[in-house]
Amino acid sequence: MSNLDHAKTKSTREQKRARFSNASGAASTRKKILLGLAVVAVGIGGYVVVGRSNSQPTEAKPVVATAGPSSVTIPVAELDSGQAKFYEYKTADKKTVRFFVMKSSDGVYRAALDTCDVCYRAKKGYFQQGDDMICRKCGRHFPSTKINEVEGGCNPVGLPRALAEGKVVIAASDLEAGKTYF
């Protein structure tokens, strides 16, 4: 093999090495980009999961309260878990009034409109976390034992209620009066 042939072969080898080196560099860069995208995707997924777990829980759609001639009754057996149960009542003029009933931590059955005097325009209502009802608009906490006890401000608008024959009884007239909040 002559020096010229040897130089050509060496030059050809160097060109191939350079091409291979560039190709593997490009592949390495692609791998780095894909790895970066995977890390970002995992980060976003984690943010969504953590964000959801820290956000306000959503309740299932409230059940429609069954009205008698002059009242709404809720069996106390539905409330013994201590979890607030959300209901909807249709007024005579077809307006929906949302309210909740619960057995508070002190064993008292309590009822309130799912709104307050301050935040009612937002129509967001409350959700329960432990023993507290929390306003979805302003985030203030209200102990279950204070519902129907403390009035005004962002406290849930209490509903007069009675216990009769194993049921919480709420006068339809009180729910009708509450329609101004909705």
Protein backbone atom coordinates (compact mmCIF):
# COMPACT_ATOMS: atom_id res chain seq x y z
CA MET A 1 0.00 0.00 0.00
CA SER A 2 1.46 3.33 -1.01
CA ASN A 3 1.66 6.37 1.18
CA LEU A 4 -1.04 8.01 -0.89
CA ASP A 5 -3.38 5.03 -0.44
CA HIS A 6 -2.58 4.95 3.24
CA ALA A 7 -3.36 8.69 3.56
CA LYS A 8 -6.67 8.21 1.70
CA THR A 9 -7.61 5.30 3.96
CA LYS A 10 -6.68 7.31 7.04
CA SER A 11 -8.67 10.27 5.77
CA THR A 12 -11.66 8.06 5.03
CA ARG A 13 -11.45 6.51 8.51
CA GLU A 14 -11.27 9.93 10.13
CA GLN A 15 -14.30 11.07 8.14
CA LYS A 16 -16.23 7.99 9.24
CA ARG A 17 -15.18 8.53 12.84
CA ALA A 18 -16.23 12.16 12.63
CA ARG A 19 -19.61 11.17 11.17
CA PHE A 20 -20.08 8.46 13.79
CA SER A 21 -19.00 10.84 16.53
CA ASN A 22 -21.48 13.47 15.33
CA ALA A 23 -24.22 10.88 15.01
CA SER A 24 -23.63 9.56 18.51
CA GLY A 25 -23.43 13.16 19.78
CA ALA A 26 -26.76 13.91 18.16
CA ALA A 27 -28.22 10.71 19.63
CA SER A 28 -26.82 11.68 23.01
CA THR A 29 -28.36 15.13 22.68
CA ARG A 30 -31.70 13.56 21.73
CA LYS A 31 -31.48 11.26 24.74
CA LYS A 32 -30.77 14.23 27.00
CA ILE A 33 -33.73 16.13 25.58
CA LEU A 34 -36.04 13.13 25.99
CA LEU A 35 -34.78 12.60 29.54
CA GLY A 36 -35.38 16.27 30.29
CA LEU A 37 -38.91 16.07 28.88
CA ALA A 38 -39.59 12.95 30.96
CA VAL A 39 -38.41 14.75 34.11
CA VAL A 40 -40.63 17.72 33.29
CA ALA A 41 -43.62 15.42 32.64
CA VAL A 42 -43.09 13.64 35.96
CA GLY A 43 -42.77 17.01 37.69
CA ILE A 44 -46.00 18.28 36.17
CA GLY A 45 -47.75 15.02 37.02
CA GLY A 46 -46.55 15.29 40.62
CA TYR A 47 -47.71 18.90 40.80
CA VAL A 48 -51.16 17.95 39.55
CA VAL A 49 -51.46 15.07 42.02
CA VAL A 50 -50.21 17.11 44.98
CA GLY A 51 -52.24 20.13 43.90
CA ARG A 52 -55.38 18.03 43.78
CA SER A 53 -54.75 16.48 47.17
CA ASN A 54 -54.35 19.94 48.72
CA SER A 55 -57.31 21.46 46.94
CA GLN A 56 -60.82 21.64 48.20
CA PRO A 57 -62.64 18.36 47.94
CA THR A 58 -65.65 18.13 45.75
CA GLU A 59 -68.84 16.62 47.01
CA ALA A 60 -71.08 14.45 44.97
CA LYS A 61 -74.08 16.28 43.58
CA PRO A 62 -76.43 17.15 46.43
CA VAL A 63 -79.55 15.07 46.73
CA VAL A 64 -82.91 16.70 46.31
CA ALA A 65 -84.65 17.11 49.64
CA THR A 66 -88.06 15.52 49.84
CA ALA A 67 -90.56 18.12 50.94
CA GLY A 68 -93.75 17.32 52.76
CA PRO A 69 -96.64 19.78 52.89
CA SER A 70 -94.75 22.22 55.11
CA SER A 71 -91.33 20.75 55.91
CA VAL A 72 -88.32 18.81 54.74
CA THR A 73 -87.25 15.76 56.72
CA ILE A 74 -83.86 14.05 56.78
CA PRO A 75 -83.46 10.70 58.61
CA VAL A 76 -80.82 11.02 61.34
CA ALA A 77 -79.40 7.66 60.23
CA GLU A 78 -78.03 9.51 57.15
CA LEU A 79 -76.15 11.89 59.44
CA ASP A 80 -74.61 9.66 62.09
CA SER A 81 -71.21 9.54 60.33
CA GLY A 82 -70.56 13.16 61.26
CA GLN A 83 -70.15 14.04 57.60
CA ALA A 84 -72.20 16.98 56.34
CA LYS A 85 -74.81 15.91 53.82
CA PHE A 86 -75.64 18.44 51.12
CA TYR A 87 -79.18 18.83 49.79
CA GLU A 88 -81.09 20.91 47.29
CA TYR A 89 -84.60 22.23 47.77
CA LYS A 90 -86.72 23.59 44.91
CA THR A 91 -88.76 26.60 45.95
CA ALA A 92 -92.29 27.28 44.76
CA ASP A 93 -90.86 29.55 42.05
CA LYS A 94 -88.37 26.81 40.96
CA LYS A 95 -85.28 28.35 42.55
CA THR A 96 -82.72 25.90 43.99
CA VAL A 97 -81.74 26.41 47.62
CA ARG A 98 -78.67 24.48 48.74
CA PHE A 99 -78.24 23.48 52.38
CA PHE A 100 -76.42 20.96 54.52
CA VAL A 101 -77.30 18.97 57.60
CA MET A 102 -74.85 17.21 59.89
CA LYS A 103 -74.32 15.70 63.28
CA SER A 104 -71.64 17.88 64.85
CA SER A 105 -68.84 16.59 67.05
CA ASP A 106 -70.86 17.43 70.18
CA GLY A 107 -73.68 15.13 69.00
CA VAL A 108 -76.11 17.91 67.98
CA TYR A 109 -77.88 17.78 64.61
CA ARG A 110 -77.30 21.06 62.80
CA ALA A 111 -78.52 22.59 59.55
CA ALA A 112 -77.45 25.61 57.52
CA LEU A 113 -77.78 27.10 54.08
CA ASP A 114 -74.75 26.30 51.93
CA THR A 115 -73.83 29.99 51.93
CA CYS A 116 -73.11 32.96 54.18
CA ASP A 117 -73.93 36.66 54.46
CA VAL A 118 -70.56 37.70 53.03
CA CYS A 119 -69.61 35.30 50.23
CA TYR A 120 -73.06 34.28 48.95
CA ARG A 121 -72.67 36.13 45.64
CA ALA A 122 -69.85 33.73 44.67
CA LYS A 123 -72.28 30.78 45.07
CA LYS A 124 -69.43 28.49 46.20
CA GLY A 125 -70.71 27.27 49.57
CA TYR A 126 -68.77 25.11 52.02
CA PHE A 127 -66.94 21.82 52.26
CA GLN A 128 -66.09 19.78 55.31
CA GLN A 129 -62.59 19.03 56.55
CA GLY A 130 -62.51 17.10 59.80
CA ASP A 131 -64.77 18.91 62.27
CA ASP A 132 -64.74 22.20 60.32
CA MET A 133 -66.89 23.56 57.56
CA ILE A 134 -64.73 25.69 55.26
CA CYS A 135 -65.91 28.50 52.99
CA ARG A 136 -64.92 27.76 49.39
CA LYS A 137 -64.64 31.49 48.65
CA CYS A 138 -62.60 32.91 51.53
CA GLY A 139 -61.20 29.75 53.12
CA ARG A 140 -62.36 30.53 56.67
CA HIS A 141 -62.95 27.56 58.99
CA PHE A 142 -66.05 27.14 61.15
CA PRO A 143 -66.24 24.41 63.79
CA SER A 144 -69.30 22.19 63.37
CA THR A 145 -70.29 22.94 66.97
CA LYS A 146 -70.79 26.62 66.11
CA ILE A 147 -73.26 26.07 63.25
CA ASN A 148 -76.67 27.42 64.33
CA GLU A 149 -74.88 29.06 67.29
CA VAL A 150 -72.87 31.88 65.68
CA GLU A 151 -74.55 34.06 63.08
CA GLY A 152 -73.48 36.71 60.59
CA GLY A 153 -70.32 37.35 58.67
CA CYS A 154 -69.00 34.31 56.85
CA ASN A 155 -70.61 31.82 59.25
CA PRO A 156 -72.99 29.41 57.52
CA VAL A 157 -76.53 30.80 57.58
CA GLY A 158 -78.20 28.61 60.20
CA LEU A 159 -81.55 26.96 59.59
CA PRO A 160 -83.99 26.37 62.43
CA ARG A 161 -84.55 22.64 62.80
CA ALA A 162 -86.24 20.18 65.09
CA LEU A 163 -85.88 16.48 65.81
CA ALA A 164 -89.00 14.35 65.47
CA GLU A 165 -89.42 10.59 65.09
CA GLY A 166 -85.76 10.00 64.14
CA LYS A 167 -85.70 12.79 61.57
CA VAL A 168 -84.31 16.31 61.34
CA VAL A 169 -87.22 18.54 60.36
CA ILE A 170 -86.69 21.87 58.58
CA ALA A 171 -89.65 24.11 57.81
CA ALA A 172 -90.17 24.64 54.08
CA SER A 173 -90.86 28.31 54.84
CA ASP A 174 -87.29 28.69 56.20
CA LEU A 175 -85.88 27.19 53.01
CA GLU A 176 -88.14 29.41 50.90
CA ALA A 177 -86.84 32.45 52.83
CA GLY A 178 -83.26 31.33 52.08
CA LYS A 179 -83.74 31.66 48.32
CA THR A 180 -82.54 35.27 48.46
CA TYR A 181 -79.01 33.91 48.87
CA PHE A 182 -79.25 31.86 45.69
